[in-house]
Amino acid sequence: MNVTKLRADTPGCANRVHLNNAGASLMPAPIVDAITTHLDLEASIGGYEAEFEAAAEIGAAYENVAGLLGTSGSNIAFSEHATASFVAALSAVRFSAGDVVLTTRNDYVSNQIQYLALADRFGVEVLRAPDAPEGGVDLAAIEGLIHRRRPRLVAVTHIPTNSGLVQDVTAIGAMCRARDILYLVDGCQSVGQMPVDVEAIGCDFFSATARKYLRGPRGAGFLYVSDRALDAGLEPLFPDMRGADWVAPDLYQPAPDAKRFETWEFFWGLVRATGVAAKYATDLGLDAIRERSWGLADQLRGMFGEMDGVHCLDRGPRLCAIVTASVKGWHPQDLVRELRARGINTTGQVGTDAVIDYEQKGVDGSLRVSPHYFNTEQELATLVAALEELLP
């Protein structure tokens, strides 16, 4: 991997030490060009007309994202962001009082809130599988819960936003397939930093965003919908005129493919840019991306381990390119502001971002550092030097 060339392709590298790729990565020039090209086209000929003129590029975006996930373009729906995709999938499940949603203790905060909202409104039971001693969901325990409780839905976050943990979503998918149980995976943090094959995972839905490790724009997400889910007639609770046809006064017909989960209004420049980002990552190679980004994260954990006053919080048998730590004498968000003033981008999380995980770890939040393949070893050293200066 030619890191020098990749950094030259990323204008933001000249201005910041960007270690916030789990928040929003720096976009390479081709992604920025895709957005501005479409915006200029809209300005010159009109929004509807620009969509028509860019039909080939928009079609390519579906195929590029499908290729990234190991599926077909007809199984991809675009959305405004990952939560919109996740909620659309969640709303497709016809819950009744007493149904069980089985999830983990490490699922993303917004997802946890949505499960609780389902419990409040529909009487759904939210059941969280316990963690294994080494971290991550206990696979034997979750299989036992699937067998005994027959959940209406199993929902798992592939990589939690608050930890470097990588959950074994493929093993859980096999359990769901064996018992014909719907399976929803939140892949917001995994797409773009590691290979993802939705067919191998065995999920019915896979939601993701463009802005994180995929290095696409903000305001763009997508949803994979399996053929099994489509054939079963699953559709969002509130389809609109893009996702369905109004065929008679009291009858509508959902779209035959995953577009039934889309809504009418898009800035198509973001869709085009997401497609370019997917191709950019695929061309680089997801195995190479994982090796580089995870290697940097492992190196950083080792550097943190040698520092007095910095405690790495990541736990699990498999860790990714997200590194979380507590830093003595600093509230995470105050530390993020101080680092930002020094030209270093990170993220600070608070206790409400991961109530269960942070309570178990005995902290009120964490400094989250998330390198990517375009970062350098020198940038890690720059971060460590800044932290050493700031430690009391």
Protein backbone atom coordinates (compact mmCIF):
# COMPACT_ATOMS: atom_id res chain seq x y z
CA MET A 1 0.00 0.00 0.00
CA ASN A 2 1.52 3.32 -1.12
CA VAL A 3 0.74 5.50 1.90
CA THR A 4 2.51 8.55 0.43
CA LYS A 5 0.29 8.43 -2.66
CA LEU A 6 -2.84 7.87 -0.59
CA ARG A 7 -2.04 10.86 1.57
CA ALA A 8 -1.42 13.00 -1.51
CA ASP A 9 -4.90 11.93 -2.64
CA THR A 10 -6.32 13.18 0.68
CA PRO A 11 -6.08 16.99 0.99
CA GLY A 12 -6.94 16.99 4.69
CA CYS A 13 -3.73 15.15 5.56
CA ALA A 14 -1.83 18.39 4.99
CA ASN A 15 -3.75 20.17 7.72
CA ARG A 16 -4.43 17.72 10.57
CA VAL A 17 -3.37 14.53 12.27
CA HIS A 18 -6.69 12.87 11.63
CA LEU A 19 -7.30 9.99 14.04
CA ASN A 20 -11.09 10.23 14.03
CA ASN A 21 -11.98 7.86 11.21
CA ALA A 22 -14.59 6.10 13.34
CA GLY A 23 -16.33 9.48 13.48
CA ALA A 24 -15.91 10.84 9.98
CA SER A 25 -12.87 10.06 7.86
CA LEU A 26 -11.06 12.41 5.50
CA MET A 27 -12.47 12.09 1.99
CA PRO A 28 -10.06 11.38 -0.88
CA ALA A 29 -10.13 13.69 -3.88
CA PRO A 30 -12.24 11.38 -6.13
CA ILE A 31 -15.06 11.34 -3.55
CA VAL A 32 -15.00 15.13 -3.22
CA ASP A 33 -14.98 15.43 -7.02
CA ALA A 34 -18.07 13.22 -7.31
CA ILE A 35 -20.00 15.51 -4.97
CA THR A 36 -18.93 18.78 -6.53
CA THR A 37 -19.43 17.47 -10.07
CA HIS A 38 -23.04 16.60 -9.34
CA LEU A 39 -23.66 19.82 -7.43
CA ASP A 40 -22.32 21.82 -10.36
CA LEU A 41 -24.56 19.80 -12.70
CA GLU A 42 -27.62 20.58 -10.58
CA ALA A 43 -26.70 24.25 -10.53
CA SER A 44 -26.29 24.35 -14.30
CA ILE A 45 -29.29 22.31 -15.53
CA GLY A 46 -31.58 21.65 -12.53
CA GLY A 47 -31.92 18.97 -9.87
CA TYR A 48 -34.32 16.57 -11.61
CA GLU A 49 -32.47 16.98 -14.87
CA ALA A 50 -29.11 16.29 -13.20
CA GLU A 51 -30.48 13.06 -11.77
CA PHE A 52 -31.55 12.02 -15.27
CA GLU A 53 -28.18 12.92 -16.78
CA ALA A 54 -26.31 11.03 -14.05
CA ALA A 55 -28.38 7.85 -14.31
CA ALA A 56 -25.37 5.72 -15.28
CA GLU A 57 -23.25 6.99 -12.37
CA ILE A 58 -26.13 6.49 -9.94
CA GLY A 59 -26.64 2.96 -11.23
CA ALA A 60 -22.94 2.31 -10.79
CA ALA A 61 -23.20 3.40 -7.15
CA TYR A 62 -25.63 0.56 -6.42
CA GLU A 63 -23.33 -1.95 -8.07
CA ASN A 64 -20.19 -0.63 -6.35
CA VAL A 65 -21.76 -0.82 -2.89
CA ALA A 66 -23.12 -4.26 -3.71
CA GLY A 67 -19.63 -5.37 -4.74
CA LEU A 68 -18.23 -4.05 -1.47
CA LEU A 69 -20.71 -6.21 0.48
CA GLY A 70 -20.68 -9.30 -1.75
CA THR A 71 -24.23 -9.01 -3.05
CA SER A 72 -26.29 -7.64 -5.97
CA GLY A 73 -27.38 -4.10 -6.74
CA SER A 74 -31.03 -5.09 -6.34
CA ASN A 75 -30.34 -5.82 -2.66
CA ILE A 76 -29.06 -2.29 -1.91
CA ALA A 77 -31.09 0.69 -0.72
CA PHE A 78 -29.60 4.13 -0.15
CA SER A 79 -30.57 6.38 2.75
CA GLU A 80 -29.59 9.62 4.44
CA HIS A 81 -27.54 7.88 7.14
CA ALA A 82 -26.98 4.56 8.89
CA THR A 83 -29.65 5.15 11.54
CA ALA A 84 -32.26 5.77 8.85
CA SER A 85 -31.28 2.43 7.30
CA PHE A 86 -31.34 0.64 10.66
CA VAL A 87 -34.73 2.09 11.61
CA ALA A 88 -36.22 1.21 8.22
CA ALA A 89 -35.14 -2.39 8.71
CA LEU A 90 -36.37 -2.46 12.30
CA SER A 91 -39.75 -1.08 11.24
CA ALA A 92 -40.16 -3.92 8.72
CA VAL A 93 -40.54 -6.45 11.51
CA ARG A 94 -44.19 -6.92 12.53
CA PHE A 95 -43.73 -6.97 16.29
CA SER A 96 -46.43 -8.03 18.70
CA ALA A 97 -46.61 -7.77 22.49
CA GLY A 98 -44.37 -10.39 24.06
CA ASP A 99 -42.02 -10.72 21.08
CA VAL A 100 -38.32 -10.86 21.97
CA VAL A 101 -35.58 -8.71 20.48
CA LEU A 102 -32.28 -10.40 21.26
CA THR A 103 -29.21 -8.18 21.19
CA THR A 104 -25.88 -7.70 22.99
CA ARG A 105 -24.56 -5.55 25.81
CA ASN A 106 -22.35 -3.72 23.31
CA ASP A 107 -24.89 -2.63 20.72
CA TYR A 108 -24.79 0.98 19.54
CA VAL A 109 -26.47 3.53 21.80
CA SER A 110 -29.12 4.64 19.26
CA ASN A 111 -30.04 1.02 18.60
CA GLN A 112 -30.41 0.37 22.33
CA ILE A 113 -32.72 3.37 22.62
CA GLN A 114 -34.81 2.13 19.68
CA TYR A 115 -35.17 -1.32 21.25
CA LEU A 116 -36.41 0.32 24.45
CA ALA A 117 -38.86 2.43 22.45
CA LEU A 118 -40.24 -0.78 20.91
CA ALA A 119 -40.62 -2.21 24.40
CA ASP A 120 -42.49 0.88 25.57
CA ARG A 121 -44.80 1.14 22.57
CA PHE A 122 -45.45 -2.48 21.60
CA GLY A 123 -44.64 -4.51 24.70
CA VAL A 124 -41.58 -6.12 23.10
CA GLU A 125 -39.08 -7.73 25.47
CA VAL A 126 -35.48 -6.58 25.03
CA LEU A 127 -33.06 -9.36 25.93
CA ARG A 128 -29.28 -8.84 26.02
CA ALA A 129 -26.97 -11.83 25.76
CA PRO A 130 -24.14 -11.84 28.31
CA ASP A 131 -20.51 -11.20 27.45
CA ALA A 132 -17.80 -13.84 27.45
CA PRO A 133 -15.04 -13.45 30.08
CA GLU A 134 -12.57 -12.28 27.41
CA GLY A 135 -15.02 -9.70 26.05
CA GLY A 136 -17.59 -9.75 23.27
CA VAL A 137 -20.85 -11.62 23.26
CA ASP A 138 -20.78 -15.15 24.69
CA LEU A 139 -21.58 -17.26 21.61
CA ALA A 140 -22.75 -20.29 23.59
CA ALA A 141 -25.02 -18.07 25.67
CA ILE A 142 -26.58 -16.29 22.70
CA GLU A 143 -27.16 -19.61 20.93
CA GLY A 144 -28.90 -20.90 24.04
CA LEU A 145 -31.12 -17.81 24.15
CA ILE A 146 -31.97 -18.17 20.46
CA HIS A 147 -32.91 -21.81 21.05
CA ARG A 148 -34.95 -21.25 24.22
CA ARG A 149 -36.56 -17.86 23.61
CA ARG A 150 -37.11 -17.93 19.82
CA PRO A 151 -36.63 -14.18 19.36
CA ARG A 152 -38.59 -12.35 16.70
CA LEU A 153 -35.37 -10.55 15.76
CA VAL A 154 -31.67 -10.87 16.56
CA ALA A 155 -29.84 -7.54 16.20
CA VAL A 156 -26.09 -7.15 16.64
CA THR A 157 -23.65 -4.30 16.14
CA HIS A 158 -20.64 -5.67 14.25
CA ILE A 159 -18.15 -3.21 15.78
CA PRO A 160 -19.38 -1.07 18.69
CA THR A 161 -18.60 2.63 18.45
CA ASN A 162 -17.24 2.63 22.01
CA SER A 163 -14.66 -0.14 21.67
CA GLY A 164 -12.25 -1.94 19.39
CA LEU A 165 -14.31 -5.11 19.77
CA VAL A 166 -15.26 -7.08 16.65
CA GLN A 167 -18.30 -9.28 17.26
CA ASP A 168 -18.51 -12.68 15.55
CA VAL A 169 -21.55 -11.82 13.46
CA THR A 170 -20.98 -14.76 11.10
CA ALA A 171 -21.28 -17.31 13.89
CA ILE A 172 -24.47 -15.64 15.10
CA GLY A 173 -25.82 -15.59 11.55
CA ALA A 174 -25.43 -19.36 11.30
CA MET A 175 -27.47 -19.73 14.51
CA CYS A 176 -30.23 -17.53 13.10
CA ARG A 177 -30.33 -19.31 9.74
CA ALA A 178 -30.59 -22.70 11.45
CA ARG A 179 -33.74 -21.53 13.25
CA ASP A 180 -35.20 -19.24 10.56
CA ILE A 181 -34.91 -16.10 12.70
CA LEU A 182 -34.60 -12.59 11.28
CA TYR A 183 -31.14 -11.12 11.71
CA LEU A 184 -30.17 -7.42 11.56
CA VAL A 185 -26.51 -6.33 11.65
CA ASP A 186 -25.31 -2.77 12.23
CA GLY A 187 -22.14 -2.50 10.13
CA CYS A 188 -21.60 1.22 10.57
CA GLN A 189 -18.04 0.87 11.86
CA SER A 190 -16.98 -2.26 9.99
CA VAL A 191 -17.60 -1.22 6.38
CA GLY A 192 -14.41 0.20 4.92
CA GLN A 193 -11.95 -1.14 7.50
CA MET A 194 -12.36 -4.87 6.89
CA PRO A 195 -13.85 -7.30 4.36
CA VAL A 196 -17.62 -7.67 4.71
CA ASP A 197 -19.58 -10.45 3.00
CA VAL A 198 -23.27 -10.26 3.83
CA GLU A 199 -23.94 -13.67 2.29
CA ALA A 200 -21.34 -15.25 4.56
CA ILE A 201 -22.69 -13.36 7.57
CA GLY A 202 -26.16 -14.67 6.78
CA CYS A 203 -28.01 -11.51 7.77
CA ASP A 204 -31.37 -10.31 6.49
CA PHE A 205 -30.43 -6.65 6.90
CA PHE A 206 -27.08 -4.87 7.09
CA SER A 207 -27.05 -1.11 7.74
CA ALA A 208 -24.05 1.17 7.21
CA THR A 209 -22.86 4.71 6.65
CA ALA A 210 -20.53 6.28 4.09
CA ARG A 211 -18.70 8.76 6.32
CA LYS A 212 -16.63 6.52 8.58
CA TYR A 213 -14.00 4.01 7.46
CA LEU A 214 -15.47 3.93 3.95
CA ARG A 215 -14.26 7.54 3.63
CA GLY A 216 -17.40 8.75 1.91
CA PRO A 217 -19.51 11.85 2.61
CA ARG A 218 -21.68 12.70 5.58
CA GLY A 219 -25.41 12.50 5.00
CA ALA A 220 -25.29 9.18 3.14
CA GLY A 221 -25.98 5.61 4.24
CA PHE A 222 -27.17 2.33 2.80
CA LEU A 223 -29.00 -0.85 3.67
CA TYR A 224 -28.55 -4.40 2.44
CA VAL A 225 -31.80 -6.40 2.27
CA SER A 226 -31.59 -10.13 1.64
CA ASP A 227 -33.59 -11.96 -1.00
CA ARG A 228 -35.17 -13.91 1.84
CA ALA A 229 -36.46 -10.71 3.44
CA LEU A 230 -37.70 -9.37 0.10
CA ASP A 231 -39.44 -12.64 -0.78
CA ALA A 232 -41.11 -12.63 2.64
CA GLY A 233 -42.67 -9.28 1.79
CA LEU A 234 -40.81 -7.29 4.45
CA GLU A 235 -41.09 -3.56 3.90
CA PRO A 236 -40.66 -0.42 6.02
CA LEU A 237 -43.56 0.72 8.16
CA PHE A 238 -43.89 3.95 6.20
CA PRO A 239 -42.98 3.44 2.51
CA ASP A 240 -43.27 6.40 0.19
CA MET A 241 -43.69 6.91 -3.54
CA ARG A 242 -40.16 5.76 -4.33
CA GLY A 243 -40.52 2.53 -2.40
CA ALA A 244 -44.03 1.68 -3.57
CA ASP A 245 -46.62 2.39 -6.28
CA TRP A 246 -50.15 3.55 -5.40
CA VAL A 247 -52.01 1.23 -7.77
CA ALA A 248 -55.61 1.71 -6.60
CA PRO A 249 -57.41 3.98 -4.13
CA ASP A 250 -56.94 1.46 -1.31
CA LEU A 251 -53.92 -0.49 -2.55
CA TYR A 252 -50.19 0.04 -2.94
CA GLN A 253 -47.53 -2.25 -4.39
CA PRO A 254 -44.02 -2.30 -2.84
CA ALA A 255 -41.03 -2.14 -5.16
CA PRO A 256 -39.76 -5.63 -6.05
CA ASP A 257 -36.23 -4.99 -4.79
CA ALA A 258 -34.50 -3.24 -1.90
CA LYS A 259 -35.56 0.17 -3.22
CA ARG A 260 -38.79 -0.40 -1.31
CA PHE A 261 -36.71 0.80 1.67
CA GLU A 262 -35.77 4.09 -0.01
CA THR A 263 -37.52 7.44 0.11
CA TRP A 264 -37.95 9.91 -2.72
CA GLU A 265 -35.60 12.70 -1.73
CA PHE A 266 -31.84 12.33 -2.15
CA PHE A 267 -28.95 14.56 -2.97
CA TRP A 268 -27.73 12.22 -5.66
CA GLY A 269 -24.24 13.66 -5.48
CA LEU A 270 -23.86 11.93 -2.10
CA VAL A 271 -25.07 8.65 -3.58
CA ARG A 272 -22.60 8.96 -6.43
CA ALA A 273 -19.83 9.75 -3.94
CA THR A 274 -20.74 6.72 -1.83
CA GLY A 275 -20.42 4.56 -4.90
CA VAL A 276 -17.02 6.06 -5.68
CA ALA A 277 -15.93 5.47 -2.07
CA ALA A 278 -16.99 1.83 -2.30
CA LYS A 279 -14.98 1.35 -5.48
CA TYR A 280 -12.00 3.20 -3.99
CA ALA A 281 -11.93 0.80 -1.04
CA THR A 282 -12.51 -2.26 -3.20
CA ASP A 283 -9.71 -1.28 -5.56
CA LEU A 284 -7.31 -0.85 -2.64
CA GLY A 285 -8.33 -4.22 -1.25
CA LEU A 286 -10.15 -4.71 2.03
CA ASP A 287 -7.65 -7.28 3.27
CA ALA A 288 -4.82 -4.78 2.80
CA ILE A 289 -6.88 -2.04 4.42
CA ARG A 290 -7.57 -4.23 7.44
CA GLU A 291 -3.93 -5.24 7.80
CA ARG A 292 -2.72 -1.64 7.67
CA SER A 293 -5.38 0.03 9.86
CA TRP A 294 -5.57 -2.74 12.46
CA GLY A 295 -1.78 -2.87 12.59
CA LEU A 296 -1.63 0.84 13.42
CA ALA A 297 -4.23 0.36 16.13
CA ASP A 298 -2.31 -2.54 17.66
CA GLN A 299 0.82 -0.41 17.63
CA LEU A 300 -1.03 2.42 19.39
CA ARG A 301 -2.36 0.07 22.07
CA GLY A 302 1.22 -1.00 22.72
CA MET A 303 2.32 2.63 23.01
CA PHE A 304 -0.52 3.41 25.42
CA GLY A 305 0.45 0.36 27.48
CA GLU A 306 3.86 1.91 28.15
CA MET A 307 2.40 5.21 29.40
CA ASP A 308 1.64 5.97 33.04
CA GLY A 309 -1.82 7.46 33.33
CA VAL A 310 -3.24 6.01 30.09
CA HIS A 311 -5.33 2.85 30.36
CA CYS A 312 -6.51 1.06 27.22
CA LEU A 313 -10.12 -0.12 27.55
CA ASP A 314 -10.51 -2.42 24.54
CA ARG A 315 -11.49 -6.02 25.31
CA GLY A 316 -12.25 -8.95 23.05
CA PRO A 317 -10.65 -11.84 21.19
CA ARG A 318 -10.45 -9.74 18.02
CA LEU A 319 -9.77 -6.00 17.99
CA CYS A 320 -10.08 -3.54 15.11
CA ALA A 321 -8.87 -0.04 14.24
CA ILE A 322 -10.74 1.65 17.11
CA VAL A 323 -8.69 2.28 20.25
CA THR A 324 -10.35 3.51 23.44
CA ALA A 325 -8.57 4.66 26.59
CA SER A 326 -9.03 6.55 29.84
CA VAL A 327 -6.50 9.30 30.51
CA LYS A 328 -5.69 10.30 34.08
CA GLY A 329 -6.81 13.79 35.05
CA TRP A 330 -8.85 14.43 31.92
CA HIS A 331 -12.51 14.30 30.99
CA PRO A 332 -12.60 12.82 27.48
CA GLN A 333 -14.29 15.76 25.81
CA ASP A 334 -11.94 18.30 27.41
CA LEU A 335 -9.00 16.23 26.22
CA VAL A 336 -10.39 16.10 22.69
CA ARG A 337 -10.63 19.89 22.61
CA GLU A 338 -7.04 20.24 23.81
CA LEU A 339 -5.77 17.77 21.22
CA ARG A 340 -7.77 19.48 18.49
CA ALA A 341 -6.11 22.77 19.38
CA ARG A 342 -2.84 20.99 18.67
CA GLY A 343 -4.04 19.81 15.26
CA ILE A 344 -4.91 16.24 16.32
CA ASN A 345 -8.42 14.92 15.67
CA THR A 346 -9.91 12.33 18.04
CA THR A 347 -13.28 11.77 19.73
CA GLY A 348 -14.34 11.85 23.37
CA GLN A 349 -17.18 9.65 24.53
CA VAL A 350 -19.25 10.01 27.70
CA GLY A 351 -21.00 7.46 29.88
CA THR A 352 -24.34 7.76 28.09
CA ASP A 353 -22.71 6.66 24.83
CA ALA A 354 -22.30 3.13 26.20
CA VAL A 355 -23.98 2.83 29.59
CA ILE A 356 -23.46 -0.91 30.11
CA ASP A 357 -19.91 -1.12 28.76
CA TYR A 358 -18.56 1.94 30.56
CA GLU A 359 -20.20 1.02 33.87
CA GLN A 360 -18.62 -2.43 33.64
CA LYS A 361 -15.21 -0.88 32.93
CA GLY A 362 -15.60 1.61 35.77
CA VAL A 363 -15.14 4.75 33.65
CA ASP A 364 -17.35 7.70 32.74
CA GLY A 365 -16.27 7.73 29.09
CA SER A 366 -13.20 7.33 26.91
CA LEU A 367 -10.83 8.95 24.48
CA ARG A 368 -11.46 7.22 21.15
CA VAL A 369 -8.62 7.13 18.63
CA SER A 370 -9.32 5.56 15.26
CA PRO A 371 -6.45 5.36 12.74
CA HIS A 372 -6.90 4.35 9.12
CA TYR A 373 -4.60 3.13 6.39
CA PHE A 374 -3.52 6.63 5.33
CA ASN A 375 -2.27 7.49 8.82
CA THR A 376 1.43 7.13 9.64
CA GLU A 377 3.46 5.80 12.51
CA GLN A 378 4.78 9.33 13.02
CA GLU A 379 1.24 10.59 13.55
CA LEU A 380 0.77 8.01 16.32
CA ALA A 381 3.98 9.27 17.89
CA THR A 382 2.71 12.85 17.63
CA LEU A 383 -0.44 11.88 19.53
CA VAL A 384 1.52 10.05 22.23
CA ALA A 385 3.90 13.00 22.67
CA ALA A 386 0.93 15.36 23.08
CA LEU A 387 -0.66 13.09 25.69
CA GLU A 388 2.62 12.87 27.62
CA GLU A 389 2.73 16.68 27.77
CA LEU A 390 -0.88 16.85 28.98
CA LEU A 391 -0.72 14.16 31.67
CA PRO A 392 -0.67 15.60 35.19
